[in-house]
Amino acid sequence: VQATTHYQDYELIGKLASELGTAMKGLDINQISLEERMQERGW
């Protein structure tokens, strides 16, 4: 929220970005059973 409000304050954006931590890990679609998938992907 602060980054959106103060999008022109580049020093604050840099400070906030450095406090984010690591990104969330994703899952390979093949690791999720058909029953647990919310939707099949692709065409």
Protein backbone atom coordinates (compact mmCIF):
# COMPACT_ATOMS: atom_id res chain seq x y z
CA VAL A 1 0.00 0.00 0.00
CA GLN A 2 2.81 2.40 0.82
CA ALA A 3 4.52 1.69 -2.49
CA THR A 4 1.31 2.46 -4.37
CA THR A 5 0.64 5.63 -2.40
CA HIS A 6 4.23 6.90 -2.71
CA TYR A 7 5.06 5.56 -6.17
CA GLN A 8 7.16 8.65 -6.99
CA ASP A 9 9.30 8.35 -3.83
CA TYR A 10 12.04 6.14 -5.24
CA GLU A 11 14.02 5.95 -2.01
CA LEU A 12 10.97 4.68 -0.13
CA ILE A 13 10.20 2.19 -2.92
CA GLY A 14 13.76 0.86 -2.67
CA LYS A 15 13.49 0.53 1.12
CA LEU A 16 10.14 -1.25 0.90
CA ALA A 17 11.38 -3.59 -1.84
CA SER A 18 14.41 -4.59 0.24
CA GLU A 19 12.09 -5.68 3.06
CA LEU A 20 9.99 -8.05 0.92
CA GLY A 21 11.94 -11.23 1.56
CA THR A 22 11.97 -14.24 -0.75
CA ALA A 23 9.37 -14.92 -3.40
CA MET A 24 6.67 -17.56 -2.96
CA LYS A 25 7.55 -20.87 -4.59
CA GLY A 26 5.29 -22.22 -7.29
CA LEU A 27 4.15 -25.75 -8.01
CA ASP A 28 4.60 -27.74 -11.16
CA ILE A 29 1.15 -28.49 -12.57
CA ASN A 30 2.11 -32.17 -12.74
CA GLN A 31 2.58 -32.22 -8.95
CA ILE A 32 -1.09 -31.34 -8.36
CA SER A 33 -3.56 -34.19 -8.69
CA LEU A 34 -6.51 -33.77 -11.07
CA GLU A 35 -8.89 -33.73 -8.10
CA GLU A 36 -7.05 -30.81 -6.46
CA ARG A 37 -6.81 -28.65 -9.59
CA MET A 38 -9.32 -25.86 -9.90
CA GLN A 39 -9.08 -25.84 -13.67
CA GLU A 40 -7.23 -27.67 -16.40
CA ARG A 41 -4.77 -25.44 -18.19
CA GLY A 42 -4.18 -24.98 -21.88
CA TRP A 43 -6.48 -25.58 -24.81
